[in-house]
């Protein structure tokens, strides 16, 4: 499973989804999908823009959780 930590990152930086959409040029509905972890895919260009605007790394945004840890 892949977790998207966009909600935590925006909260820590006191930014809204709309702020991020404006700063990145990514559609607000797409930001919303990432924020609520509804996206099945993440565009790498979007990930690059998000990392640039939030001044973070890919590993700050995405986390891999092995399946054996999910079942516990």
C-alpha atoms as a PDB file:
ATOM      1  CA  UNK A   1       0.000   0.000   0.000  1.00  0.00           C
ATOM      2  CA  UNK A   2       1.159   3.541  -0.748  1.00  0.00           C
ATOM      3  CA  UNK A   3       0.146   6.327   1.652  1.00  0.00           C
ATOM      4  CA  UNK A   4      -0.065   9.913   0.433  1.00  0.00           C
ATOM      5  CA  UNK A   5       0.824  12.349   3.208  1.00  0.00           C
ATOM      6  CA  UNK A   6      -0.348  15.501   1.459  1.00  0.00           C
ATOM      7  CA  UNK A   7      -2.923  16.390   4.120  1.00  0.00           C
ATOM      8  CA  UNK A   8      -0.290  16.237   6.868  1.00  0.00           C
ATOM      9  CA  UNK A   9       2.211  18.264   4.835  1.00  0.00           C
ATOM     10  CA  UNK A  10      -0.310  20.977   4.018  1.00  0.00           C
ATOM     11  CA  UNK A  11      -1.402  21.122   7.653  1.00  0.00           C
ATOM     12  CA  UNK A  12       2.174  21.494   8.869  1.00  0.00           C
ATOM     13  CA  UNK A  13       2.720  24.332   6.403  1.00  0.00           C
ATOM     14  CA  UNK A  14      -0.702  25.890   7.037  1.00  0.00           C
ATOM     15  CA  UNK A  15      -1.603  25.732   3.361  1.00  0.00           C
ATOM     16  CA  UNK A  16      -4.947  24.841   1.852  1.00  0.00           C
ATOM     17  CA  UNK A  17      -5.589  22.580  -1.089  1.00  0.00           C
ATOM     18  CA  UNK A  18      -6.522  25.720  -3.060  1.00  0.00           C
ATOM     19  CA  UNK A  19      -3.173  27.321  -2.152  1.00  0.00           C
ATOM     20  CA  UNK A  20      -1.324  24.279  -3.448  1.00  0.00           C
ATOM     21  CA  UNK A  21      -3.410  24.173  -6.621  1.00  0.00           C
ATOM     22  CA  UNK A  22      -2.633  27.853  -7.318  1.00  0.00           C
ATOM     23  CA  UNK A  23       1.083  27.460  -6.616  1.00  0.00           C
ATOM     24  CA  UNK A  24       1.496  24.288  -8.684  1.00  0.00           C
ATOM     25  CA  UNK A  25      -1.043  24.805 -11.454  1.00  0.00           C
ATOM     26  CA  UNK A  26      -2.492  21.357 -10.694  1.00  0.00           C
ATOM     27  CA  UNK A  27      -6.290  21.170 -10.940  1.00  0.00           C
ATOM     28  CA  UNK A  28      -7.977  21.553  -7.541  1.00  0.00           C
ATOM     29  CA  UNK A  29      -9.904  18.300  -8.041  1.00  0.00           C
ATOM     30  CA  UNK A  30      -6.632  16.440  -8.598  1.00  0.00           C
ATOM     31  CA  UNK A  31      -5.121  17.991  -5.459  1.00  0.00           C
ATOM     32  CA  UNK A  32      -8.287  16.907  -3.620  1.00  0.00           C
ATOM     33  CA  UNK A  33      -7.855  13.334  -4.820  1.00  0.00           C
ATOM     34  CA  UNK A  34      -4.256  13.289  -3.599  1.00  0.00           C
ATOM     35  CA  UNK A  35      -5.212  14.986  -0.310  1.00  0.00           C
ATOM     36  CA  UNK A  36      -7.949  12.445   0.462  1.00  0.00           C
ATOM     37  CA  UNK A  37      -5.840   9.515  -0.837  1.00  0.00           C
ATOM     38  CA  UNK A  38      -8.384   8.699  -3.540  1.00  0.00           C
ATOM     39  CA  UNK A  39      -5.896   8.755  -6.411  1.00  0.00           C
ATOM     40  CA  UNK A  40      -4.882   5.448  -7.928  1.00  0.00           C
ATOM     41  CA  UNK A  41      -1.932   7.089  -9.694  1.00  0.00           C
ATOM     42  CA  UNK A  42       0.206  10.153  -9.221  1.00  0.00           C
ATOM     43  CA  UNK A  43       1.553  12.022 -12.187  1.00  0.00           C
ATOM     44  CA  UNK A  44       5.322  12.372 -11.763  1.00  0.00           C
ATOM     45  CA  UNK A  45       5.222  15.970 -12.987  1.00  0.00           C
ATOM     46  CA  UNK A  46       2.636  16.690 -10.279  1.00  0.00           C
ATOM     47  CA  UNK A  47       4.809  15.015  -7.663  1.00  0.00           C
ATOM     48  CA  UNK A  48       7.758  17.127  -8.797  1.00  0.00           C
ATOM     49  CA  UNK A  49       5.712  20.343  -8.543  1.00  0.00           C
ATOM     50  CA  UNK A  50       4.347  19.406  -5.112  1.00  0.00           C
ATOM     51  CA  UNK A  51       7.829  18.656  -3.789  1.00  0.00           C
ATOM     52  CA  UNK A  52       9.147  21.911  -5.215  1.00  0.00           C
ATOM     53  CA  UNK A  53       6.366  24.056  -3.721  1.00  0.00           C
ATOM     54  CA  UNK A  54       6.389  22.288  -0.342  1.00  0.00           C
ATOM     55  CA  UNK A  55      10.199  22.094  -0.289  1.00  0.00           C
ATOM     56  CA  UNK A  56      10.137  18.396   0.523  1.00  0.00           C
ATOM     57  CA  UNK A  57      11.206  15.057  -0.924  1.00  0.00           C
ATOM     58  CA  UNK A  58       9.184  12.321  -2.576  1.00  0.00           C
ATOM     59  CA  UNK A  59       9.551  10.228   0.574  1.00  0.00           C
ATOM     60  CA  UNK A  60       7.884  13.030   2.562  1.00  0.00           C
ATOM     61  CA  UNK A  61       4.843  12.814   0.280  1.00  0.00           C
ATOM     62  CA  UNK A  62       4.652   9.062  -0.347  1.00  0.00           C
ATOM     63  CA  UNK A  63       5.182   6.130   2.009  1.00  0.00           C
ATOM     64  CA  UNK A  64       5.275   2.447   1.133  1.00  0.00           C
ATOM     65  CA  UNK A  65       3.636   0.208   3.735  1.00  0.00           C
ATOM     66  CA  UNK A  66       4.356  -3.500   3.200  1.00  0.00           C
ATOM     67  CA  UNK A  67       1.273  -5.711   3.103  1.00  0.00           C
ATOM     68  CA  UNK A  68       2.324  -7.705   6.194  1.00  0.00           C
ATOM     69  CA  UNK A  69       2.184  -4.486   8.283  1.00  0.00           C
ATOM     70  CA  UNK A  70      -1.289  -3.585   6.996  1.00  0.00           C
ATOM     71  CA  UNK A  71      -2.887  -6.805   8.221  1.00  0.00           C
ATOM     72  CA  UNK A  72      -1.952  -6.214  11.873  1.00  0.00           C
END
